[in-house]
Amino acid sequence: MSRTARGPRIVFWRHGQTSWNLESRFQGTTDIDLTEQGLEQARRSARLLSGLRPDLLISSDLIRARRTAEELAEVTGLDVQHHEGLRETYAGSWQGLTNAEIRERHPEEYAAWAAGEPVRRGGGELAEEVADRSVPVVLEAVEKLPENGTLVVVSHGGTIRTMLGRMLGLEPALWECFGGLSNCCWSVLGRGARGWRLLEHNAGTLPQPVIGDDT
């Protein structure tokens, strides 16, 4: 991702590992801290992302995202702006359950969600509602960037998927086409002549310039 490229860039950075990630528990809005490995993931990724010389740093206010963002703030000197709107999807009674427990206790609901139907998992939020609260936070931050500036958004896997889908203009039924983000990996959007474009997805190294016909 060249700093000489035209237009703003947005780096959507998922938080580091938590104990519930290791246990395959649905976290949602439950405030779970990072593991020691999660902190190390954040430190490593922060050193890489600092090379992009980001101009603005915003984060979910949940502790796993806050602690991840703090590592980038430490190496860049940027202040972190925390936003409730960037939290993970609220999933009600699903939160705290493992995948196996969800399948056992909520089989019909799980089957409908797996089939791509809009489902309030555990009585919680729809994906479109997550996009409704998160995307405006990002767009407001983009407006504060200098010309050709870079914004880093520290958030959660599910929320990042909804933001990517909404900002790329995809129908909600297609948002699941984005594979999940690994802990402390990121996706990058750049704004071209026809709107936002996906430049990187689930990356763990710095983006490289695209050389070829599609530039």
Protein backbone atom coordinates (compact mmCIF):
# COMPACT_ATOMS: atom_id res chain seq x y z
CA MET A 1 0.00 0.00 0.00
CA SER A 2 1.98 2.95 -1.29
CA ARG A 3 1.75 6.24 0.56
CA THR A 4 1.82 7.96 -2.84
CA ALA A 5 -1.45 6.30 -3.91
CA ARG A 6 -4.38 8.63 -4.41
CA GLY A 7 -7.25 8.68 -1.95
CA PRO A 8 -7.76 7.47 1.62
CA ARG A 9 -7.03 3.96 2.85
CA ILE A 10 -8.75 2.12 5.70
CA VAL A 11 -7.05 -0.73 7.57
CA PHE A 12 -9.58 -2.90 9.43
CA TRP A 13 -7.54 -4.66 12.13
CA ARG A 14 -8.96 -7.50 14.20
CA HIS A 15 -8.01 -7.76 17.88
CA GLY A 16 -5.54 -10.29 19.28
CA GLN A 17 -6.28 -13.70 20.67
CA THR A 18 -8.49 -14.21 23.74
CA SER A 19 -9.11 -17.28 25.90
CA TRP A 20 -12.62 -17.52 24.45
CA ASN A 21 -11.16 -17.61 20.93
CA LEU A 22 -9.15 -20.66 22.01
CA GLU A 23 -12.27 -22.29 23.46
CA SER A 24 -14.40 -21.45 20.38
CA ARG A 25 -16.81 -19.48 22.54
CA PHE A 26 -19.03 -16.82 20.99
CA GLN A 27 -17.79 -13.57 22.51
CA GLY A 28 -20.09 -10.94 21.06
CA THR A 29 -20.14 -7.92 23.35
CA THR A 30 -18.78 -9.86 26.36
CA ASP A 31 -15.68 -7.99 27.53
CA ILE A 32 -12.91 -10.61 27.33
CA ASP A 33 -9.24 -9.61 27.66
CA LEU A 34 -6.33 -10.73 25.50
CA THR A 35 -4.15 -13.69 26.32
CA GLU A 36 -0.38 -13.22 26.57
CA GLN A 37 -0.14 -14.57 23.04
CA GLY A 38 -2.80 -12.09 21.99
CA LEU A 39 -0.71 -9.24 23.39
CA GLU A 40 2.34 -10.50 21.52
CA GLN A 41 0.29 -10.71 18.33
CA ALA A 42 -0.77 -7.10 18.83
CA ARG A 43 2.81 -5.95 19.42
CA ARG A 44 4.09 -7.70 16.31
CA SER A 45 1.28 -6.40 14.12
CA ALA A 46 1.61 -2.89 15.53
CA ARG A 47 5.28 -2.79 14.52
CA LEU A 48 4.29 -3.73 10.98
CA LEU A 49 1.33 -1.37 10.72
CA SER A 50 3.37 1.55 12.05
CA GLY A 51 5.29 1.33 8.78
CA LEU A 52 2.19 2.61 7.01
CA ARG A 53 2.45 5.83 9.04
CA PRO A 54 -1.27 5.87 9.91
CA ASP A 55 -2.87 9.25 10.46
CA LEU A 56 -5.80 8.26 12.67
CA LEU A 57 -6.58 5.35 15.00
CA ILE A 58 -10.05 4.37 16.18
CA SER A 59 -11.14 1.32 18.14
CA SER A 60 -14.01 -0.59 19.63
CA ASP A 61 -14.30 0.17 23.34
CA LEU A 62 -14.19 -3.53 24.33
CA ILE A 63 -10.99 -4.43 26.15
CA ARG A 64 -9.67 -6.91 23.58
CA ALA A 65 -9.78 -4.20 20.93
CA ARG A 66 -8.59 -1.45 23.28
CA ARG A 67 -5.52 -3.44 24.33
CA THR A 68 -4.72 -4.20 20.68
CA ALA A 69 -5.07 -0.55 19.68
CA GLU A 70 -2.84 0.56 22.56
CA GLU A 71 0.08 -1.30 21.01
CA LEU A 72 -0.17 0.70 17.80
CA ALA A 73 -0.67 3.92 19.73
CA GLU A 74 2.51 3.17 21.66
CA VAL A 75 4.69 2.89 18.56
CA THR A 76 3.05 5.68 16.52
CA GLY A 77 2.24 8.28 19.16
CA LEU A 78 -1.36 8.43 17.94
CA ASP A 79 -4.27 8.91 20.31
CA VAL A 80 -6.93 6.20 20.24
CA GLN A 81 -10.56 7.20 19.82
CA HIS A 82 -12.87 4.53 21.30
CA HIS A 83 -16.36 3.92 19.90
CA GLU A 84 -19.16 1.69 21.14
CA GLY A 85 -20.39 1.50 17.55
CA LEU A 86 -17.36 -0.62 16.60
CA ARG A 87 -18.20 -3.41 19.07
CA GLU A 88 -18.76 -7.00 17.99
CA THR A 89 -22.27 -8.21 17.16
CA TYR A 90 -24.48 -8.59 20.23
CA ALA A 91 -25.72 -12.20 20.24
CA GLY A 92 -27.78 -12.47 23.42
CA SER A 93 -28.07 -16.02 24.71
CA TRP A 94 -25.41 -17.29 22.28
CA GLN A 95 -22.70 -15.32 24.04
CA GLY A 96 -20.41 -17.46 26.15
CA LEU A 97 -21.45 -20.70 24.42
CA THR A 98 -19.17 -22.87 22.34
CA ASN A 99 -20.10 -23.69 18.76
CA ALA A 100 -21.16 -27.18 19.84
CA GLU A 101 -23.35 -25.80 22.64
CA ILE A 102 -25.04 -23.35 20.24
CA ARG A 103 -25.86 -26.17 17.82
CA GLU A 104 -27.27 -28.27 20.66
CA ARG A 105 -29.33 -25.57 22.40
CA HIS A 106 -30.45 -23.53 19.38
CA PRO A 107 -30.55 -26.00 16.47
CA GLU A 108 -33.25 -24.29 14.38
CA GLU A 109 -31.78 -20.83 14.86
CA TYR A 110 -28.30 -22.08 14.03
CA ALA A 111 -29.51 -23.92 10.93
CA ALA A 112 -31.28 -20.81 9.65
CA TRP A 113 -28.18 -18.69 10.21
CA ALA A 114 -25.95 -21.28 8.53
CA ALA A 115 -28.32 -21.26 5.54
CA GLY A 116 -27.79 -17.53 5.14
CA GLU A 117 -31.10 -16.31 6.54
CA PRO A 118 -31.16 -13.04 8.51
CA VAL A 119 -31.25 -14.28 12.08
CA ARG A 120 -31.13 -12.52 15.44
CA ARG A 121 -28.68 -14.95 16.95
CA GLY A 122 -29.61 -15.43 20.60
CA GLY A 123 -32.10 -12.59 20.23
CA GLY A 124 -29.33 -10.15 19.35
CA GLU A 125 -28.47 -7.93 16.40
CA LEU A 126 -28.88 -8.50 12.69
CA ALA A 127 -25.79 -8.04 10.54
CA GLU A 128 -27.38 -5.02 8.84
CA GLU A 129 -27.92 -3.38 12.23
CA VAL A 130 -24.25 -3.87 13.05
CA ALA A 131 -23.34 -2.16 9.78
CA ASP A 132 -25.81 0.65 10.55
CA ARG A 133 -23.95 1.51 13.77
CA SER A 134 -20.36 0.82 12.72
CA VAL A 135 -19.99 2.19 9.19
CA PRO A 136 -20.95 5.79 10.11
CA VAL A 137 -18.18 5.81 12.73
CA VAL A 138 -15.64 4.83 10.08
CA LEU A 139 -16.90 7.28 7.47
CA GLU A 140 -16.83 10.13 9.98
CA ALA A 141 -13.20 9.30 10.75
CA VAL A 142 -12.33 9.14 7.04
CA GLU A 143 -13.53 12.72 6.66
CA LYS A 144 -10.88 13.80 9.19
CA LEU A 145 -7.99 12.26 7.27
CA PRO A 146 -5.47 14.36 5.39
CA GLU A 147 -5.23 13.87 1.63
CA ASN A 148 -4.19 10.28 0.86
CA GLY A 149 -4.31 9.53 4.60
CA THR A 150 -4.55 6.16 6.35
CA LEU A 151 -7.10 5.22 9.02
CA VAL A 152 -6.69 2.15 11.24
CA VAL A 153 -9.92 0.69 12.66
CA VAL A 154 -9.48 -1.85 15.48
CA SER A 155 -12.57 -3.99 15.72
CA HIS A 156 -13.90 -7.56 15.64
CA GLY A 157 -14.19 -10.24 12.99
CA GLY A 158 -17.95 -10.19 12.57
CA THR A 159 -18.23 -6.42 12.67
CA ILE A 160 -15.39 -5.98 10.19
CA ARG A 161 -17.16 -8.36 7.79
CA THR A 162 -20.34 -6.26 7.93
CA MET A 163 -18.39 -3.03 7.40
CA LEU A 164 -16.58 -4.43 4.38
CA GLY A 165 -19.81 -5.69 2.85
CA ARG A 166 -21.68 -2.42 3.40
CA MET A 167 -18.86 -0.18 2.19
CA LEU A 168 -18.31 -2.28 -0.93
CA GLY A 169 -22.00 -2.05 -1.78
CA LEU A 170 -22.70 -5.79 -1.54
CA GLU A 171 -26.09 -7.23 -0.65
CA PRO A 172 -26.16 -8.53 2.96
CA ALA A 173 -26.65 -12.10 1.75
CA LEU A 174 -23.17 -11.90 0.19
CA TRP A 175 -21.31 -10.62 3.26
CA GLU A 176 -20.51 -14.14 4.41
CA CYS A 177 -18.40 -14.50 1.24
CA PHE A 178 -15.61 -12.80 3.18
CA GLY A 179 -13.60 -15.41 5.02
CA GLY A 180 -12.94 -14.82 8.69
CA LEU A 181 -10.03 -12.72 9.90
CA SER A 182 -7.32 -14.38 11.96
CA ASN A 183 -6.39 -12.72 15.24
CA CYS A 184 -4.47 -9.49 14.60
CA CYS A 185 -4.78 -9.74 10.83
CA TRP A 186 -6.34 -7.01 8.74
CA SER A 187 -8.20 -6.04 5.59
CA VAL A 188 -7.63 -2.88 3.58
CA LEU A 189 -10.05 -0.73 1.60
CA GLY A 190 -8.93 1.99 -0.78
CA ARG A 191 -11.16 4.52 -2.50
CA GLY A 192 -10.91 4.65 -6.25
CA ALA A 193 -12.79 6.47 -8.98
CA ARG A 194 -15.83 4.17 -8.60
CA GLY A 195 -15.90 3.89 -4.84
CA TRP A 196 -14.28 1.64 -2.25
CA ARG A 197 -12.19 -1.35 -3.37
CA LEU A 198 -10.90 -4.32 -1.37
CA LEU A 199 -7.10 -4.16 -1.60
CA GLU A 200 -6.15 -6.78 1.02
CA HIS A 201 -8.05 -9.35 3.09
CA ASN A 202 -6.85 -11.33 6.11
CA ALA A 203 -3.34 -9.98 5.66
CA GLY A 204 -0.56 -10.35 8.20
CA THR A 205 2.18 -8.63 6.23
CA LEU A 206 2.31 -5.17 4.74
CA PRO A 207 0.44 -4.79 1.43
CA GLN A 208 2.59 -4.66 -1.68
CA PRO A 209 2.00 -2.28 -4.59
CA VAL A 210 -0.07 -3.78 -7.41
CA ILE A 211 1.92 -3.80 -10.63
CA GLY A 212 -0.01 -4.66 -13.77
CA ASP A 213 -3.04 -3.70 -15.82
CA ASP A 214 -5.46 -3.46 -12.87
CA THR A 215 -3.94 -0.46 -11.08
